[in-house]
Amino acid sequence: METLVVHPQNEAQQRAVKAILEALQVPYDSEPEVDNEGPYNPEFVTKILEADEDIKAGRFTVIKSEDLWK
């Protein structure tokens, strides 16, 4: 069986799709809407941006590669 991904454009379409699936007794999962700015989890993006700010502010430690295995 294949998985279908539906992208309703508004709340009315979303309700209609859910009503059809329920009427046909087709199980479905619902997930919260994801920000369409990118494929990454917003919490992950926040951590990366904070780390970038830390580097710009000089809050980091440099470890020489020859010291990694000591």
PDB file of N, CA and C in Angstrom:
ATOM      1  N   MET A   1       0.857  -1.170   0.000  1.00  0.00           N
ATOM      2  CA  MET A   1       0.000   0.000   0.000  1.00  0.00           C
ATOM      3  C   MET A   1       0.903   1.233   0.000  1.00  0.00           C
ATOM      4  N   GLU A   2       0.486   2.277  -0.651  1.00  0.00           N
ATOM      5  CA  GLU A   2       1.279   3.500  -0.684  1.00  0.00           C
ATOM      6  C   GLU A   2       0.754   4.516   0.324  1.00  0.00           C
ATOM      7  N   THR A   3       1.605   5.461   0.679  1.00  0.00           N
ATOM      8  CA  THR A   3       1.237   6.534   1.595  1.00  0.00           C
ATOM      9  C   THR A   3       0.949   7.785   0.786  1.00  0.00           C
ATOM     10  N   LEU A   4      -0.129   8.459   1.113  1.00  0.00           N
ATOM     11  CA  LEU A   4      -0.489   9.692   0.429  1.00  0.00           C
ATOM     12  C   LEU A   4      -0.248  10.870   1.362  1.00  0.00           C
ATOM     13  N   VAL A   5       0.335  11.908   0.836  1.00  0.00           N
ATOM     14  CA  VAL A   5       0.541  13.142   1.598  1.00  0.00           C
ATOM     15  C   VAL A   5      -0.347  14.201   0.958  1.00  0.00           C
ATOM     16  N   VAL A   6      -1.238  14.768   1.747  1.00  0.00           N
ATOM     17  CA  VAL A   6      -2.212  15.733   1.240  1.00  0.00           C
ATOM     18  C   VAL A   6      -1.845  17.113   1.779  1.00  0.00           C
ATOM     19  N   HIS A   7      -1.950  18.129   0.940  1.00  0.00           N
ATOM     20  CA  HIS A   7      -1.607  19.494   1.345  1.00  0.00           C
ATOM     21  C   HIS A   7      -2.816  20.416   1.145  1.00  0.00           C
ATOM     22  N   PRO A   8      -3.758  20.405   2.083  1.00  0.00           N
ATOM     23  CA  PRO A   8      -4.901  21.312   1.943  1.00  0.00           C
ATOM     24  C   PRO A   8      -4.427  22.765   2.009  1.00  0.00           C
ATOM     25  N   GLN A   9      -5.091  23.602   1.231  1.00  0.00           N
ATOM     26  CA  GLN A   9      -4.690  25.002   1.140  1.00  0.00           C
ATOM     27  C   GLN A   9      -5.373  25.900   2.170  1.00  0.00           C
ATOM     28  N   ASN A  10      -6.428  25.389   2.802  1.00  0.00           N
ATOM     29  CA  ASN A  10      -7.112  26.188   3.817  1.00  0.00           C
ATOM     30  C   ASN A  10      -7.830  25.245   4.780  1.00  0.00           C
ATOM     31  N   GLU A  11      -8.428  25.826   5.802  1.00  0.00           N
ATOM     32  CA  GLU A  11      -9.073  25.029   6.848  1.00  0.00           C
ATOM     33  C   GLU A  11     -10.290  24.263   6.323  1.00  0.00           C
ATOM     34  N   ALA A  12     -11.008  24.846   5.377  1.00  0.00           N
ATOM     35  CA  ALA A  12     -12.186  24.173   4.823  1.00  0.00           C
ATOM     36  C   ALA A  12     -11.775  22.896   4.082  1.00  0.00           C
ATOM     37  N   GLN A  13     -10.715  22.980   3.315  1.00  0.00           N
ATOM     38  CA  GLN A  13     -10.225  21.793   2.617  1.00  0.00           C
ATOM     39  C   GLN A  13      -9.752  20.737   3.611  1.00  0.00           C
ATOM     40  N   GLN A  14      -9.102  21.183   4.654  1.00  0.00           N
ATOM     41  CA  GLN A  14      -8.607  20.244   5.669  1.00  0.00           C
ATOM     42  C   GLN A  14      -9.773  19.499   6.320  1.00  0.00           C
ATOM     43  N   ARG A  15     -10.799  20.227   6.699  1.00  0.00           N
ATOM     44  CA  ARG A  15     -11.981  19.596   7.302  1.00  0.00           C
ATOM     45  C   ARG A  15     -12.637  18.616   6.333  1.00  0.00           C
ATOM     46  N   ALA A  16     -12.716  18.990   5.055  1.00  0.00           N
ATOM     47  CA  ALA A  16     -13.345  18.123   4.058  1.00  0.00           C
ATOM     48  C   ALA A  16     -12.553  16.838   3.880  1.00  0.00           C
ATOM     49  N   VAL A  17     -11.246  16.943   3.809  1.00  0.00           N
ATOM     50  CA  VAL A  17     -10.407  15.761   3.648  1.00  0.00           C
ATOM     51  C   VAL A  17     -10.566  14.834   4.851  1.00  0.00           C
ATOM     52  N   LYS A  18     -10.541  15.401   6.042  1.00  0.00           N
ATOM     53  CA  LYS A  18     -10.721  14.590   7.251  1.00  0.00           C
ATOM     54  C   LYS A  18     -12.085  13.918   7.268  1.00  0.00           C
ATOM     55  N   ALA A  19     -13.127  14.645   6.848  1.00  0.00           N
ATOM     56  CA  ALA A  19     -14.478  14.078   6.826  1.00  0.00           C
ATOM     57  C   ALA A  19     -14.559  12.915   5.838  1.00  0.00           C
ATOM     58  N   ILE A  20     -13.941  13.063   4.688  1.00  0.00           N
ATOM     59  CA  ILE A  20     -13.951  11.981   3.689  1.00  0.00           C
ATOM     60  C   ILE A  20     -13.222  10.757   4.226  1.00  0.00           C
ATOM     61  N   LEU A  21     -12.051  10.974   4.809  1.00  0.00           N
ATOM     62  CA  LEU A  21     -11.286   9.849   5.348  1.00  0.00           C
ATOM     63  C   LEU A  21     -12.062   9.136   6.453  1.00  0.00           C
ATOM     64  N   GLU A  22     -12.709   9.897   7.313  1.00  0.00           N
ATOM     65  CA  GLU A  22     -13.494   9.289   8.386  1.00  0.00           C
ATOM     66  C   GLU A  22     -14.703   8.543   7.827  1.00  0.00           C
ATOM     67  N   ALA A  23     -15.355   9.101   6.800  1.00  0.00           N
ATOM     68  CA  ALA A  23     -16.518   8.445   6.198  1.00  0.00           C
ATOM     69  C   ALA A  23     -16.120   7.128   5.537  1.00  0.00           C
ATOM     70  N   LEU A  24     -14.923   7.089   4.964  1.00  0.00           N
ATOM     71  CA  LEU A  24     -14.427   5.873   4.318  1.00  0.00           C
ATOM     72  C   LEU A  24     -13.738   4.938   5.307  1.00  0.00           C
ATOM     73  N   GLN A  25     -13.686   5.357   6.558  1.00  0.00           N
ATOM     74  CA  GLN A  25     -13.017   4.595   7.614  1.00  0.00           C
ATOM     75  C   GLN A  25     -11.551   4.321   7.280  1.00  0.00           C
ATOM     76  N   VAL A  26     -10.907   5.346   6.722  1.00  0.00           N
ATOM     77  CA  VAL A  26      -9.477   5.280   6.405  1.00  0.00           C
ATOM     78  C   VAL A  26      -8.722   5.915   7.567  1.00  0.00           C
ATOM     79  N   PRO A  27      -7.859   5.150   8.232  1.00  0.00           N
ATOM     80  CA  PRO A  27      -7.101   5.746   9.337  1.00  0.00           C
ATOM     81  C   PRO A  27      -6.093   6.771   8.797  1.00  0.00           C
ATOM     82  N   TYR A  28      -5.868   7.817   9.575  1.00  0.00           N
ATOM     83  CA  TYR A  28      -4.906   8.838   9.162  1.00  0.00           C
ATOM     84  C   TYR A  28      -4.222   9.406  10.399  1.00  0.00           C
ATOM     85  N   ASP A  29      -3.054   9.976  10.182  1.00  0.00           N
ATOM     86  CA  ASP A  29      -2.311  10.662  11.241  1.00  0.00           C
ATOM     87  C   ASP A  29      -2.328  12.142  10.936  1.00  0.00           C
ATOM     88  N   SER A  30      -2.384  12.923  11.972  1.00  0.00           N
ATOM     89  CA  SER A  30      -2.365  14.372  11.827  1.00  0.00           C
ATOM     90  C   SER A  30      -1.156  14.908  12.581  1.00  0.00           C
ATOM     91  N   GLU A  31      -0.396  15.774  11.928  1.00  0.00           N
ATOM     92  CA  GLU A  31       0.777  16.381  12.558  1.00  0.00           C
ATOM     93  C   GLU A  31       0.611  17.889  12.544  1.00  0.00           C
ATOM     94  N   PRO A  32       1.200  18.567  13.524  1.00  0.00           N
ATOM     95  CA  PRO A  32       1.105  20.030  13.519  1.00  0.00           C
ATOM     96  C   PRO A  32       1.782  20.602  12.282  1.00  0.00           C
ATOM     97  N   GLU A  33       1.301  21.744  11.861  1.00  0.00           N
ATOM     98  CA  GLU A  33       1.855  22.380  10.671  1.00  0.00           C
ATOM     99  C   GLU A  33       3.310  22.764  10.904  1.00  0.00           C
ATOM    100  N   VAL A  34       4.128  22.509   9.901  1.00  0.00           N
ATOM    101  CA  VAL A  34       5.550  22.819   9.972  1.00  0.00           C
ATOM    102  C   VAL A  34       5.796  24.099   9.206  1.00  0.00           C
ATOM    103  N   ASP A  35       6.667  24.937   9.745  1.00  0.00           N
ATOM    104  CA  ASP A  35       7.032  26.169   9.060  1.00  0.00           C
ATOM    105  C   ASP A  35       7.660  25.819   7.718  1.00  0.00           C
ATOM    106  N   ASN A  36       7.181  26.404   6.644  1.00  0.00           N
ATOM    107  CA  ASN A  36       7.653  26.053   5.308  1.00  0.00           C
ATOM    108  C   ASN A  36       8.938  26.754   4.913  1.00  0.00           C
ATOM    109  N   GLU A  37       9.621  27.400   5.848  1.00  0.00           N
ATOM    110  CA  GLU A  37      10.863  28.074   5.515  1.00  0.00           C
ATOM    111  C   GLU A  37      11.994  27.092   5.273  1.00  0.00           C
ATOM    112  N   GLY A  38      11.880  25.889   5.744  1.00  0.00           N
ATOM    113  CA  GLY A  38      12.937  24.927   5.520  1.00  0.00           C
ATOM    114  C   GLY A  38      12.566  23.563   6.063  1.00  0.00           C
ATOM    115  N   PRO A  39      13.389  22.582   5.761  1.00  0.00           N
ATOM    116  CA  PRO A  39      13.072  21.219   6.174  1.00  0.00           C
ATOM    117  C   PRO A  39      13.502  20.885   7.597  1.00  0.00           C
ATOM    118  N   TYR A  40      14.109  21.842   8.308  1.00  0.00           N
ATOM    119  CA  TYR A  40      14.692  21.541   9.603  1.00  0.00           C
ATOM    120  C   TYR A  40      13.763  21.897  10.757  1.00  0.00           C
ATOM    121  N   ASN A  41      13.920  21.162  11.841  1.00  0.00           N
ATOM    122  CA  ASN A  41      13.179  21.407  13.070  1.00  0.00           C
ATOM    123  C   ASN A  41      13.548  22.805  13.581  1.00  0.00           C
ATOM    124  N   PRO A  42      12.576  23.651  13.893  1.00  0.00           N
ATOM    125  CA  PRO A  42      12.866  25.011  14.355  1.00  0.00           C
ATOM    126  C   PRO A  42      13.769  25.050  15.600  1.00  0.00           C
ATOM    127  N   GLU A  43      13.636  24.066  16.499  1.00  0.00           N
ATOM    128  CA  GLU A  43      14.498  24.037  17.680  1.00  0.00           C
ATOM    129  C   GLU A  43      15.955  23.812  17.272  1.00  0.00           C
ATOM    130  N   PHE A  44      16.176  22.951  16.280  1.00  0.00           N
ATOM    131  CA  PHE A  44      17.521  22.690  15.775  1.00  0.00           C
ATOM    132  C   PHE A  44      18.104  23.955  15.154  1.00  0.00           C
ATOM    133  N   VAL A  45      17.304  24.653  14.367  1.00  0.00           N
ATOM    134  CA  VAL A  45      17.766  25.888  13.729  1.00  0.00           C
ATOM    135  C   VAL A  45      18.148  26.916  14.786  1.00  0.00           C
ATOM    136  N   THR A  46      17.351  27.019  15.846  1.00  0.00           N
ATOM    137  CA  THR A  46      17.651  27.960  16.924  1.00  0.00           C
ATOM    138  C   THR A  46      18.991  27.638  17.571  1.00  0.00           C
ATOM    139  N   LYS A  47      19.251  26.349  17.837  1.00  0.00           N
ATOM    140  CA  LYS A  47      20.526  25.950  18.441  1.00  0.00           C
ATOM    141  C   LYS A  47      21.702  26.296  17.537  1.00  0.00           C
ATOM    142  N   ILE A  48      21.553  26.071  16.242  1.00  0.00           N
ATOM    143  CA  ILE A  48      22.623  26.379  15.299  1.00  0.00           C
ATOM    144  C   ILE A  48      22.880  27.877  15.252  1.00  0.00           C
ATOM    145  N   LEU A  49      21.832  28.675  15.226  1.00  0.00           N
ATOM    146  CA  LEU A  49      21.999  30.126  15.200  1.00  0.00           C
ATOM    147  C   LEU A  49      22.635  30.634  16.488  1.00  0.00           C
ATOM    148  N   GLU A  50      22.265  30.047  17.637  1.00  0.00           N
ATOM    149  CA  GLU A  50      22.883  30.429  18.913  1.00  0.00           C
ATOM    150  C   GLU A  50      24.362  30.071  18.915  1.00  0.00           C
ATOM    151  N   ALA A  51      24.706  28.898  18.374  1.00  0.00           N
ATOM    152  CA  ALA A  51      26.106  28.487  18.302  1.00  0.00           C
ATOM    153  C   ALA A  51      26.896  29.435  17.408  1.00  0.00           C
ATOM    154  N   ASP A  52      26.297  29.876  16.321  1.00  0.00           N
ATOM    155  CA  ASP A  52      26.951  30.824  15.428  1.00  0.00           C
ATOM    156  C   ASP A  52      27.231  32.140  16.154  1.00  0.00           C
ATOM    157  N   GLU A  53      26.265  32.605  16.939  1.00  0.00           N
ATOM    158  CA  GLU A  53      26.457  33.830  17.725  1.00  0.00           C
ATOM    159  C   GLU A  53      27.568  33.644  18.757  1.00  0.00           C
ATOM    160  N   ASP A  54      27.635  32.466  19.396  1.00  0.00           N
ATOM    161  CA  ASP A  54      28.699  32.184  20.358  1.00  0.00           C
ATOM    162  C   ASP A  54      30.069  32.273  19.688  1.00  0.00           C
ATOM    163  N   ILE A  55      30.190  31.741  18.495  1.00  0.00           N
ATOM    164  CA  ILE A  55      31.465  31.793  17.782  1.00  0.00           C
ATOM    165  C   ILE A  55      31.823  33.237  17.463  1.00  0.00           C
ATOM    166  N   LYS A  56      30.861  34.011  16.985  1.00  0.00           N
ATOM    167  CA  LYS A  56      31.115  35.422  16.668  1.00  0.00           C
ATOM    168  C   LYS A  56      31.533  36.201  17.910  1.00  0.00           C
ATOM    169  N   ALA A  57      30.991  35.818  19.075  1.00  0.00           N
ATOM    170  CA  ALA A  57      31.306  36.517  20.322  1.00  0.00           C
ATOM    171  C   ALA A  57      32.571  35.979  20.981  1.00  0.00           C
ATOM    172  N   GLY A  58      33.194  34.965  20.383  1.00  0.00           N
ATOM    173  CA  GLY A  58      34.432  34.423  20.935  1.00  0.00           C
ATOM    174  C   GLY A  58      34.235  33.403  22.042  1.00  0.00           C
ATOM    175  N   ARG A  59      33.031  32.904  22.207  1.00  0.00           N
ATOM    176  CA  ARG A  59      32.744  31.912  23.251  1.00  0.00           C
ATOM    177  C   ARG A  59      32.894  30.499  22.685  1.00  0.00           C
ATOM    178  N   PHE A  60      34.153  30.083  22.489  1.00  0.00           N
ATOM    179  CA  PHE A  60      34.428  28.750  21.988  1.00  0.00           C
ATOM    180  C   PHE A  60      35.833  28.339  22.407  1.00  0.00           C
ATOM    181  N   THR A  61      36.125  27.054  22.294  1.00  0.00           N
ATOM    182  CA  THR A  61      37.431  26.514  22.647  1.00  0.00           C
ATOM    183  C   THR A  61      38.026  25.840  21.418  1.00  0.00           C
ATOM    184  N   VAL A  62      39.316  26.115  21.178  1.00  0.00           N
ATOM    185  CA  VAL A  62      40.013  25.496  20.057  1.00  0.00           C
ATOM    186  C   VAL A  62      40.831  24.329  20.596  1.00  0.00           C
ATOM    187  N   ILE A  63      40.692  23.178  19.963  1.00  0.00           N
ATOM    188  CA  ILE A  63      41.470  21.999  20.329  1.00  0.00           C
ATOM    189  C   ILE A  63      42.279  21.589  19.107  1.00  0.00           C
ATOM    190  N   LYS A  64      43.591  21.494  19.274  1.00  0.00           N
ATOM    191  CA  LYS A  64      44.451  21.090  18.169  1.00  0.00           C
ATOM    192  C   LYS A  64      44.168  19.630  17.829  1.00  0.00           C
ATOM    193  N   SER A  65      44.243  19.288  16.558  1.00  0.00           N
ATOM    194  CA  SER A  65      43.941  17.921  16.133  1.00  0.00           C
ATOM    195  C   SER A  65      44.885  16.905  16.749  1.00  0.00           C
ATOM    196  N   GLU A  66      46.149  17.284  16.986  1.00  0.00           N
ATOM    197  CA  GLU A  66      47.098  16.342  17.591  1.00  0.00           C
ATOM    198  C   GLU A  66      46.772  16.081  19.062  1.00  0.00           C
ATOM    199  N   ASP A  67      45.954  16.936  19.687  1.00  0.00           N
ATOM    200  CA  ASP A  67      45.571  16.757  21.077  1.00  0.00           C
ATOM    201  C   ASP A  67      44.256  15.982  21.254  1.00  0.00           C
ATOM    202  N   LEU A  68      43.612  15.632  20.160  1.00  0.00           N
ATOM    203  CA  LEU A  68      42.314  14.957  20.248  1.00  0.00           C
ATOM    204  C   LEU A  68      42.389  13.600  20.921  1.00  0.00           C
ATOM    205  N   TRP A  69      43.445  12.860  20.730  1.00  0.00           N
ATOM    206  CA  TRP A  69      43.532  11.484  21.213  1.00  0.00           C
ATOM    207  C   TRP A  69      44.389  11.353  22.442  1.00  0.00           C
ATOM    208  N   LYS A  70      44.643  12.424  23.143  1.00  0.00           N
ATOM    209  CA  LYS A  70      45.458  12.368  24.358  1.00  0.00           C
ATOM    210  C   LYS A  70      44.607  12.119  25.571  1.00  0.00           C
TER     211      LYS A  70
END
